[in-house]
Amino acid sequence: MSTYFRKLCSYKIYKSFSLRNLREVHFMQDSVILISTAIEPGARSSKRTASTLYGDALARAGLSGVLYAGGDPIVLAGRCDGLLLSGGGDLEPALYGQVPQSHRLSLDPVRDTEELALLRAFCALRKPVLGICRGMQVINVAFGGTLLQEVAGHDGIPHPVTTVAGTHTARLTGGFFKASSYHHQAVGQLGHGLCAAAYAADGLIEALEHRSLPILGVQWHPERMIPGLCTDVPADHSALFTYFIQRKPKP
C-alpha cells in the first residue's frame, strides 16, 4: 500500500460510520468531510474533545467526518467531498505581511502550511469548504487578506451577530442571533474574491463567503450551537453543516 493510503487509513471516523480503509469511501452513501485540526489521531486532550464536536455536528447533518492526519492534499481533495477548517491557534503574521503584535499569539507553522495547501487543493476541485474561527482566518489569509492580531470582547463572550441579506450565511442561520465566540483575533482586510456575510455589533467581520467558489467562513463556533449536542447560546446552527451538501459539485 502506498504512503498516501497508509496515512488515509489512520484517520478516525466519527459517529456516522466506522471506516477501516478509505478506499471504501467511494462506496459510502454519506459525504465524507475532511476535518483539519492540530490533534493527532488517538491523542487524549481537551482539544480532542473539542474536535469531536465537529464530527458530531457533521453526523447530525448526515455527513461523515475524517480527522486529517497528513497526506497529499491533492489526493485528499480527490477522495473527500469537502473540507472543514476548524478552530485553533493563530496564523503566523508573516503570512499576511505583518510582524507579531500580540503577546497572546499561539503559532503552529506546520499547521499553517498544511491547511493552506489543503484549501488550495479543495478550491482547485471546487469542493465546498467551511472555515470555523481560525478556519475563517485561514481562508482570508489564503486569498490575500489580513488579520487584526488582537481584538477585545470576543474571547469567551457570547455576542450578537447580524448577517448580510442574500448571503448563504443568512439563509442558513437567519438574520440575527447571539453567537458562541472564542477568538482574540479577527479578519482585517478581506482577501480577493471574498465578501463579508455577517458582522458583530462593533463592526468586526463575523462571516465571509467567496463570490464564485463554494467557500464559507464563520468566526463563531456553530458546533457549540446545536441543541442536544452542545449549546453555549440558545440558537441552532446545525444547518450550517448542511452547506457541504448544498454546495457539493454536481456529477
C-alpha atoms as a PDB file:
ATOM      1  CA  MET A   1       0.000   0.000   0.000  1.00  0.00           C
ATOM      2  CA  SER A   2       1.289   3.496  -0.814  1.00  0.00           C
ATOM      3  CA  THR A   3       2.255   6.035   1.840  1.00  0.00           C
ATOM      4  CA  TYR A   4      -0.831   8.041   0.913  1.00  0.00           C
ATOM      5  CA  PHE A   5      -3.188   5.159   1.662  1.00  0.00           C
ATOM      6  CA  ARG A   6      -1.377   4.201   4.891  1.00  0.00           C
ATOM      7  CA  LYS A   7      -1.935   7.751   6.115  1.00  0.00           C
ATOM      8  CA  LEU A   8      -5.513   7.821   4.857  1.00  0.00           C
ATOM      9  CA  CYS A   9      -6.311   4.626   6.717  1.00  0.00           C
ATOM     10  CA  SER A  10      -5.101   6.115  10.032  1.00  0.00           C
ATOM     11  CA  TYR A  11      -7.923   8.660  10.229  1.00  0.00           C
ATOM     12  CA  LYS A  12     -10.604   8.418  12.870  1.00  0.00           C
ATOM     13  CA  ILE A  13     -14.185   8.404  11.586  1.00  0.00           C
ATOM     14  CA  TYR A  14     -16.895   9.859  13.776  1.00  0.00           C
ATOM     15  CA  LYS A  15     -20.335   8.565  14.633  1.00  0.00           C
ATOM     16  CA  SER A  16     -21.808   8.211  11.159  1.00  0.00           C
ATOM     17  CA  PHE A  17     -19.916   5.010  10.348  1.00  0.00           C
ATOM     18  CA  SER A  18     -16.758   3.040  11.159  1.00  0.00           C
ATOM     19  CA  LEU A  19     -14.278   3.180   8.313  1.00  0.00           C
ATOM     20  CA  ARG A  20     -11.382   0.756   8.272  1.00  0.00           C
ATOM     21  CA  ASN A  21      -9.994   1.788   4.921  1.00  0.00           C
ATOM     22  CA  LEU A  22     -10.586   4.986   2.981  1.00  0.00           C
ATOM     23  CA  ARG A  23     -10.614   3.016  -0.252  1.00  0.00           C
ATOM     24  CA  GLU A  24     -14.174   2.246   0.860  1.00  0.00           C
ATOM     25  CA  VAL A  25     -15.101   5.944   0.738  1.00  0.00           C
ATOM     26  CA  HIS A  26     -16.353   5.657  -2.830  1.00  0.00           C
ATOM     27  CA  PHE A  27     -18.897   3.056  -1.705  1.00  0.00           C
ATOM     28  CA  MET A  28     -20.260   5.077   1.216  1.00  0.00           C
ATOM     29  CA  GLN A  29     -23.600   6.820   0.864  1.00  0.00           C
ATOM     30  CA  ASP A  30     -22.659   9.656   3.219  1.00  0.00           C
ATOM     31  CA  SER A  31     -20.495  12.531   2.052  1.00  0.00           C
ATOM     32  CA  VAL A  32     -17.061  12.453   3.677  1.00  0.00           C
ATOM     33  CA  ILE A  33     -15.716  15.712   5.086  1.00  0.00           C
ATOM     34  CA  LEU A  34     -12.045  16.135   5.952  1.00  0.00           C
ATOM     35  CA  ILE A  35     -11.596  17.905   9.306  1.00  0.00           C
ATOM     36  CA  SER A  36      -8.321  19.777   9.584  1.00  0.00           C
ATOM     37  CA  THR A  37      -7.173  20.087  13.209  1.00  0.00           C
ATOM     38  CA  ALA A  38      -3.980  20.202  15.232  1.00  0.00           C
ATOM     39  CA  ILE A  39      -4.857  16.942  17.004  1.00  0.00           C
ATOM     40  CA  GLU A  40      -3.088  13.683  16.270  1.00  0.00           C
ATOM     41  CA  PRO A  41      -5.478  10.729  15.878  1.00  0.00           C
ATOM     42  CA  GLY A  42      -5.688   8.867  19.190  1.00  0.00           C
ATOM     43  CA  ALA A  43      -4.468  11.807  21.272  1.00  0.00           C
ATOM     44  CA  ARG A  44      -6.300  12.470  24.526  1.00  0.00           C
ATOM     45  CA  SER A  45      -6.867  16.099  25.430  1.00  0.00           C
ATOM     46  CA  SER A  46      -9.491  18.789  25.862  1.00  0.00           C
ATOM     47  CA  LYS A  47      -8.672  19.847  22.298  1.00  0.00           C
ATOM     48  CA  ARG A  48      -9.601  16.368  21.061  1.00  0.00           C
ATOM     49  CA  THR A  49     -12.924  16.687  22.869  1.00  0.00           C
ATOM     50  CA  ALA A  50     -13.478  19.983  21.073  1.00  0.00           C
ATOM     51  CA  SER A  51     -12.546  18.367  17.765  1.00  0.00           C
ATOM     52  CA  THR A  52     -15.041  15.578  18.374  1.00  0.00           C
ATOM     53  CA  LEU A  53     -17.814  18.173  18.345  1.00  0.00           C
ATOM     54  CA  TYR A  54     -17.081  18.883  14.688  1.00  0.00           C
ATOM     55  CA  GLY A  55     -17.545  15.228  13.834  1.00  0.00           C
ATOM     56  CA  ASP A  56     -20.736  15.000  15.858  1.00  0.00           C
ATOM     57  CA  ALA A  57     -22.112  18.131  14.194  1.00  0.00           C
ATOM     58  CA  LEU A  58     -21.363  16.692  10.756  1.00  0.00           C
ATOM     59  CA  ALA A  59     -23.047  13.425  11.716  1.00  0.00           C
ATOM     60  CA  ARG A  60     -26.178  15.366  12.669  1.00  0.00           C
ATOM     61  CA  ALA A  61     -26.225  16.674   9.088  1.00  0.00           C
ATOM     62  CA  GLY A  62     -25.871  13.180   7.626  1.00  0.00           C
ATOM     63  CA  LEU A  63     -22.168  13.631   6.893  1.00  0.00           C
ATOM     64  CA  SER A  64     -19.099  11.680   7.966  1.00  0.00           C
ATOM     65  CA  GLY A  65     -16.077  13.445   9.430  1.00  0.00           C
ATOM     66  CA  VAL A  66     -12.499  12.296   8.871  1.00  0.00           C
ATOM     67  CA  LEU A  67      -9.703  13.721  11.024  1.00  0.00           C
ATOM     68  CA  TYR A  68      -6.750  14.979   8.999  1.00  0.00           C
ATOM     69  CA  ALA A  69      -3.550  13.053   9.729  1.00  0.00           C
ATOM     70  CA  GLY A  70      -1.236  14.151   6.946  1.00  0.00           C
ATOM     71  CA  GLY A  71      -1.060  13.089   3.340  1.00  0.00           C
ATOM     72  CA  ASP A  72      -1.025  14.603  -0.119  1.00  0.00           C
ATOM     73  CA  PRO A  73      -3.574  17.456  -0.304  1.00  0.00           C
ATOM     74  CA  ILE A  74      -4.451  16.658  -3.916  1.00  0.00           C
ATOM     75  CA  VAL A  75      -5.166  13.013  -3.083  1.00  0.00           C
ATOM     76  CA  LEU A  76      -7.246  14.005  -0.067  1.00  0.00           C
ATOM     77  CA  ALA A  77      -9.238  16.571  -2.035  1.00  0.00           C
ATOM     78  CA  GLY A  78      -9.974  13.936  -4.648  1.00  0.00           C
ATOM     79  CA  ARG A  79     -11.222  11.401  -2.123  1.00  0.00           C
ATOM     80  CA  CYS A  80     -13.214  13.643   0.231  1.00  0.00           C
ATOM     81  CA  ASP A  81     -16.324  15.676  -0.535  1.00  0.00           C
ATOM     82  CA  GLY A  82     -15.492  18.780   1.467  1.00  0.00           C
ATOM     83  CA  LEU A  83     -13.059  20.416   3.877  1.00  0.00           C
ATOM     84  CA  LEU A  84     -13.778  21.729   7.365  1.00  0.00           C
ATOM     85  CA  LEU A  85     -11.049  24.064   8.619  1.00  0.00           C
ATOM     86  CA  SER A  86     -11.512  24.018  12.377  1.00  0.00           C
ATOM     87  CA  GLY A  87     -10.687  26.401  15.199  1.00  0.00           C
ATOM     88  CA  GLY A  88      -7.373  26.565  16.989  1.00  0.00           C
ATOM     89  CA  GLY A  89      -4.337  28.794  17.408  1.00  0.00           C
ATOM     90  CA  ASP A  90      -3.159  31.787  15.436  1.00  0.00           C
ATOM     91  CA  LEU A  91      -1.621  32.097  11.986  1.00  0.00           C
ATOM     92  CA  GLU A  92       1.953  33.256  11.516  1.00  0.00           C
ATOM     93  CA  PRO A  93       1.682  37.045  10.969  1.00  0.00           C
ATOM     94  CA  ALA A  94       4.288  36.914   8.183  1.00  0.00           C
ATOM     95  CA  LEU A  95       1.692  35.079   6.073  1.00  0.00           C
ATOM     96  CA  TYR A  96      -0.312  38.305   5.855  1.00  0.00           C
ATOM     97  CA  GLY A  97       2.582  40.749   5.747  1.00  0.00           C
ATOM     98  CA  GLN A  98       2.796  41.680   9.430  1.00  0.00           C
ATOM     99  CA  VAL A  99       5.119  41.177  12.380  1.00  0.00           C
ATOM    100  CA  PRO A 100       3.858  39.776  15.707  1.00  0.00           C
ATOM    101  CA  GLN A 101       1.960  42.449  17.636  1.00  0.00           C
ATOM    102  CA  SER A 102       0.122  40.400  20.262  1.00  0.00           C
ATOM    103  CA  HIS A 103       1.594  38.733  23.342  1.00  0.00           C
ATOM    104  CA  ARG A 104      -1.127  36.072  23.088  1.00  0.00           C
ATOM    105  CA  LEU A 105      -0.044  34.510  19.797  1.00  0.00           C
ATOM    106  CA  SER A 106      -0.133  30.716  19.699  1.00  0.00           C
ATOM    107  CA  LEU A 107       1.584  29.697  16.464  1.00  0.00           C
ATOM    108  CA  ASP A 108       1.814  26.401  14.590  1.00  0.00           C
ATOM    109  CA  PRO A 109       3.686  26.961  11.290  1.00  0.00           C
ATOM    110  CA  VAL A 110       3.286  23.329  10.220  1.00  0.00           C
ATOM    111  CA  ARG A 111      -0.473  23.521  10.570  1.00  0.00           C
ATOM    112  CA  ASP A 112      -0.497  26.825   8.666  1.00  0.00           C
ATOM    113  CA  THR A 113       1.326  25.242   5.739  1.00  0.00           C
ATOM    114  CA  GLU A 114      -0.833  22.120   5.702  1.00  0.00           C
ATOM    115  CA  GLU A 115      -4.155  23.934   5.880  1.00  0.00           C
ATOM    116  CA  LEU A 116      -3.240  26.432   3.183  1.00  0.00           C
ATOM    117  CA  ALA A 117      -2.235  23.542   0.913  1.00  0.00           C
ATOM    118  CA  LEU A 118      -5.472  21.676   1.659  1.00  0.00           C
ATOM    119  CA  LEU A 119      -7.526  24.775   0.940  1.00  0.00           C
ATOM    120  CA  ARG A 120      -5.825  25.254  -2.426  1.00  0.00           C
ATOM    121  CA  ALA A 121      -6.428  21.610  -3.348  1.00  0.00           C
ATOM    122  CA  PHE A 122     -10.138  21.671  -2.483  1.00  0.00           C
ATOM    123  CA  CYS A 123     -10.576  25.016  -4.252  1.00  0.00           C
ATOM    124  CA  ALA A 124      -8.971  23.599  -7.392  1.00  0.00           C
ATOM    125  CA  LEU A 125     -11.693  20.930  -7.479  1.00  0.00           C
ATOM    126  CA  ARG A 126     -14.389  23.440  -6.489  1.00  0.00           C
ATOM    127  CA  LYS A 127     -15.350  21.344  -3.486  1.00  0.00           C
ATOM    128  CA  PRO A 128     -17.051  23.061  -0.532  1.00  0.00           C
ATOM    129  CA  VAL A 129     -15.018  24.472   2.337  1.00  0.00           C
ATOM    130  CA  LEU A 130     -16.333  25.608   5.726  1.00  0.00           C
ATOM    131  CA  GLY A 131     -13.947  27.538   7.966  1.00  0.00           C
ATOM    132  CA  ILE A 132     -14.706  27.910  11.672  1.00  0.00           C
ATOM    133  CA  CYS A 133     -12.960  30.523  13.848  1.00  0.00           C
ATOM    134  CA  ARG A 134      -9.268  30.060  12.917  1.00  0.00           C
ATOM    135  CA  GLY A 135     -10.523  28.322   9.777  1.00  0.00           C
ATOM    136  CA  MET A 136     -12.225  31.508   8.606  1.00  0.00           C
ATOM    137  CA  GLN A 137      -8.976  33.388   9.189  1.00  0.00           C
ATOM    138  CA  VAL A 138      -7.050  30.782   7.168  1.00  0.00           C
ATOM    139  CA  ILE A 139      -9.443  31.368   4.266  1.00  0.00           C
ATOM    140  CA  ASN A 140      -8.980  35.126   4.402  1.00  0.00           C
ATOM    141  CA  VAL A 141      -5.187  34.913   4.537  1.00  0.00           C
ATOM    142  CA  ALA A 142      -5.120  32.351   1.715  1.00  0.00           C
ATOM    143  CA  PHE A 143      -6.841  34.863  -0.565  1.00  0.00           C
ATOM    144  CA  GLY A 144      -4.502  37.707   0.354  1.00  0.00           C
ATOM    145  CA  GLY A 145      -6.397  39.225   3.276  1.00  0.00           C
ATOM    146  CA  THR A 146      -5.075  40.393   6.637  1.00  0.00           C
ATOM    147  CA  LEU A 147      -5.929  39.790  10.292  1.00  0.00           C
ATOM    148  CA  LEU A 148      -6.357  42.001  13.326  1.00  0.00           C
ATOM    149  CA  GLN A 149      -3.987  40.407  15.824  1.00  0.00           C
ATOM    150  CA  GLU A 150      -5.806  41.481  18.983  1.00  0.00           C
ATOM    151  CA  VAL A 151      -9.461  42.389  19.490  1.00  0.00           C
ATOM    152  CA  ALA A 152     -11.415  42.794  22.715  1.00  0.00           C
ATOM    153  CA  GLY A 153     -14.798  41.474  23.766  1.00  0.00           C
ATOM    154  CA  HIS A 154     -14.934  38.278  21.707  1.00  0.00           C
ATOM    155  CA  ASP A 155     -12.966  35.643  23.635  1.00  0.00           C
ATOM    156  CA  GLY A 156     -15.410  33.568  25.664  1.00  0.00           C
ATOM    157  CA  ILE A 157     -18.078  36.256  25.469  1.00  0.00           C
ATOM    158  CA  PRO A 158     -21.275  35.441  23.522  1.00  0.00           C
ATOM    159  CA  HIS A 159     -22.322  38.434  21.449  1.00  0.00           C
ATOM    160  CA  PRO A 160     -24.916  39.400  18.824  1.00  0.00           C
ATOM    161  CA  VAL A 161     -24.236  38.863  15.125  1.00  0.00           C
ATOM    162  CA  THR A 162     -26.143  40.311  12.186  1.00  0.00           C
ATOM    163  CA  THR A 163     -25.922  38.575   8.809  1.00  0.00           C
ATOM    164  CA  VAL A 164     -25.903  40.226   5.389  1.00  0.00           C
ATOM    165  CA  ALA A 165     -29.142  39.676   3.488  1.00  0.00           C
ATOM    166  CA  GLY A 166     -28.881  37.449   0.433  1.00  0.00           C
ATOM    167  CA  THR A 167     -25.819  35.507   1.609  1.00  0.00           C
ATOM    168  CA  HIS A 168     -25.591  31.764   2.214  1.00  0.00           C
ATOM    169  CA  THR A 169     -24.832  32.602   5.842  1.00  0.00           C
ATOM    170  CA  ALA A 170     -28.101  34.499   6.245  1.00  0.00           C
ATOM    171  CA  ARG A 171     -30.076  31.715   4.583  1.00  0.00           C
ATOM    172  CA  LEU A 172     -28.571  29.069   6.884  1.00  0.00           C
ATOM    173  CA  THR A 173     -28.563  30.964  10.192  1.00  0.00           C
ATOM    174  CA  GLY A 174     -31.164  33.715   9.952  1.00  0.00           C
ATOM    175  CA  GLY A 175     -30.706  37.455  10.187  1.00  0.00           C
ATOM    176  CA  PHE A 176     -29.748  37.974  13.831  1.00  0.00           C
ATOM    177  CA  PHE A 177     -28.544  35.731  16.662  1.00  0.00           C
ATOM    178  CA  LYS A 178     -26.209  35.521  19.638  1.00  0.00           C
ATOM    179  CA  ALA A 179     -23.007  33.647  18.763  1.00  0.00           C
ATOM    180  CA  SER A 180     -20.686  31.340  20.689  1.00  0.00           C
ATOM    181  CA  SER A 181     -17.416  33.260  20.464  1.00  0.00           C
ATOM    182  CA  TYR A 182     -13.858  32.237  21.407  1.00  0.00           C
ATOM    183  CA  HIS A 183     -11.423  34.387  19.453  1.00  0.00           C
ATOM    184  CA  HIS A 184      -8.960  37.180  20.165  1.00  0.00           C
ATOM    185  CA  GLN A 185      -8.150  37.842  16.504  1.00  0.00           C
ATOM    186  CA  ALA A 186     -10.373  38.816  13.591  1.00  0.00           C
ATOM    187  CA  VAL A 187     -10.445  39.392   9.855  1.00  0.00           C
ATOM    188  CA  GLY A 188      -8.987  42.741   8.822  1.00  0.00           C
ATOM    189  CA  GLN A 189      -8.827  43.493   5.106  1.00  0.00           C
ATOM    190  CA  LEU A 190     -10.819  40.970   3.101  1.00  0.00           C
ATOM    191  CA  GLY A 191      -8.975  38.737   0.648  1.00  0.00           C
ATOM    192  CA  HIS A 192      -9.532  38.757  -3.111  1.00  0.00           C
ATOM    193  CA  GLY A 193     -12.927  37.417  -4.149  1.00  0.00           C
ATOM    194  CA  LEU A 194     -14.287  37.392  -0.596  1.00  0.00           C
ATOM    195  CA  CYS A 195     -17.233  39.345   0.779  1.00  0.00           C
ATOM    196  CA  ALA A 196     -18.452  39.917   4.327  1.00  0.00           C
ATOM    197  CA  ALA A 197     -21.537  37.869   5.228  1.00  0.00           C
ATOM    198  CA  ALA A 198     -22.044  38.861   8.880  1.00  0.00           C
ATOM    199  CA  TYR A 199     -20.914  41.499  11.352  1.00  0.00           C
ATOM    200  CA  ALA A 200     -20.654  41.880  15.122  1.00  0.00           C
ATOM    201  CA  ALA A 201     -22.097  44.962  16.803  1.00  0.00           C
ATOM    202  CA  ASP A 202     -18.605  46.509  16.952  1.00  0.00           C
ATOM    203  CA  GLY A 203     -18.234  46.218  13.170  1.00  0.00           C
ATOM    204  CA  LEU A 204     -15.906  43.210  13.094  1.00  0.00           C
ATOM    205  CA  ILE A 205     -16.485  40.753  10.255  1.00  0.00           C
ATOM    206  CA  GLU A 206     -18.062  37.589  11.665  1.00  0.00           C
ATOM    207  CA  ALA A 207     -18.576  35.623   8.445  1.00  0.00           C
ATOM    208  CA  LEU A 208     -17.245  35.674   4.909  1.00  0.00           C
ATOM    209  CA  GLU A 209     -18.020  33.966   1.627  1.00  0.00           C
ATOM    210  CA  HIS A 210     -16.269  33.644  -1.706  1.00  0.00           C
ATOM    211  CA  ARG A 211     -18.078  35.251  -4.611  1.00  0.00           C
ATOM    212  CA  SER A 212     -17.604  32.323  -7.004  1.00  0.00           C
ATOM    213  CA  LEU A 213     -16.181  29.350  -5.073  1.00  0.00           C
ATOM    214  CA  PRO A 214     -18.134  27.232  -2.534  1.00  0.00           C
ATOM    215  CA  ILE A 215     -16.300  28.704   0.454  1.00  0.00           C
ATOM    216  CA  LEU A 216     -17.864  29.969   3.671  1.00  0.00           C
ATOM    217  CA  GLY A 217     -16.174  31.033   6.899  1.00  0.00           C
ATOM    218  CA  VAL A 218     -17.672  31.920  10.279  1.00  0.00           C
ATOM    219  CA  GLN A 219     -15.843  33.420  13.236  1.00  0.00           C
ATOM    220  CA  TRP A 220     -18.164  31.852  15.818  1.00  0.00           C
ATOM    221  CA  HIS A 221     -18.459  28.173  16.765  1.00  0.00           C
ATOM    222  CA  PRO A 222     -21.594  26.590  15.228  1.00  0.00           C
ATOM    223  CA  GLU A 223     -20.583  23.166  16.593  1.00  0.00           C
ATOM    224  CA  ARG A 224     -21.286  24.656  20.034  1.00  0.00           C
ATOM    225  CA  MET A 225     -24.719  25.901  18.966  1.00  0.00           C
ATOM    226  CA  ILE A 226     -26.549  22.614  18.352  1.00  0.00           C
ATOM    227  CA  PRO A 227     -29.367  21.542  20.713  1.00  0.00           C
ATOM    228  CA  GLY A 228     -28.764  18.122  22.209  1.00  0.00           C
ATOM    229  CA  LEU A 229     -25.071  18.266  21.360  1.00  0.00           C
ATOM    230  CA  CYS A 230     -23.591  21.474  22.757  1.00  0.00           C
ATOM    231  CA  THR A 231     -25.376  24.752  23.393  1.00  0.00           C
ATOM    232  CA  ASP A 232     -23.348  27.715  24.618  1.00  0.00           C
ATOM    233  CA  VAL A 233     -26.147  30.003  23.462  1.00  0.00           C
ATOM    234  CA  PRO A 234     -29.860  29.469  22.677  1.00  0.00           C
ATOM    235  CA  ALA A 235     -29.515  29.083  18.918  1.00  0.00           C
ATOM    236  CA  ASP A 236     -29.498  26.165  16.484  1.00  0.00           C
ATOM    237  CA  HIS A 237     -26.785  26.341  13.840  1.00  0.00           C
ATOM    238  CA  SER A 238     -26.840  22.709  12.749  1.00  0.00           C
ATOM    239  CA  ALA A 239     -27.973  23.912   9.316  1.00  0.00           C
ATOM    240  CA  LEU A 240     -24.549  25.441   8.682  1.00  0.00           C
ATOM    241  CA  PHE A 241     -23.105  21.967   8.308  1.00  0.00           C
ATOM    242  CA  THR A 242     -25.549  21.176   5.508  1.00  0.00           C
ATOM    243  CA  TYR A 243     -23.582  23.715   3.459  1.00  0.00           C
ATOM    244  CA  PHE A 244     -21.413  20.788   2.345  1.00  0.00           C
ATOM    245  CA  ILE A 245     -24.452  19.039   0.893  1.00  0.00           C
ATOM    246  CA  GLN A 246     -25.905  22.127  -0.734  1.00  0.00           C
ATOM    247  CA  ARG A 247     -22.639  23.190  -2.385  1.00  0.00           C
ATOM    248  CA  LYS A 248     -21.380  19.731  -3.345  1.00  0.00           C
ATOM    249  CA  PRO A 249     -20.275  19.663  -7.012  1.00  0.00           C
ATOM    250  CA  LYS A 250     -22.762  18.050  -9.340  1.00  0.00           C
ATOM    251  CA  PRO A 251     -21.532  14.832 -11.013  1.00  0.00           C
END
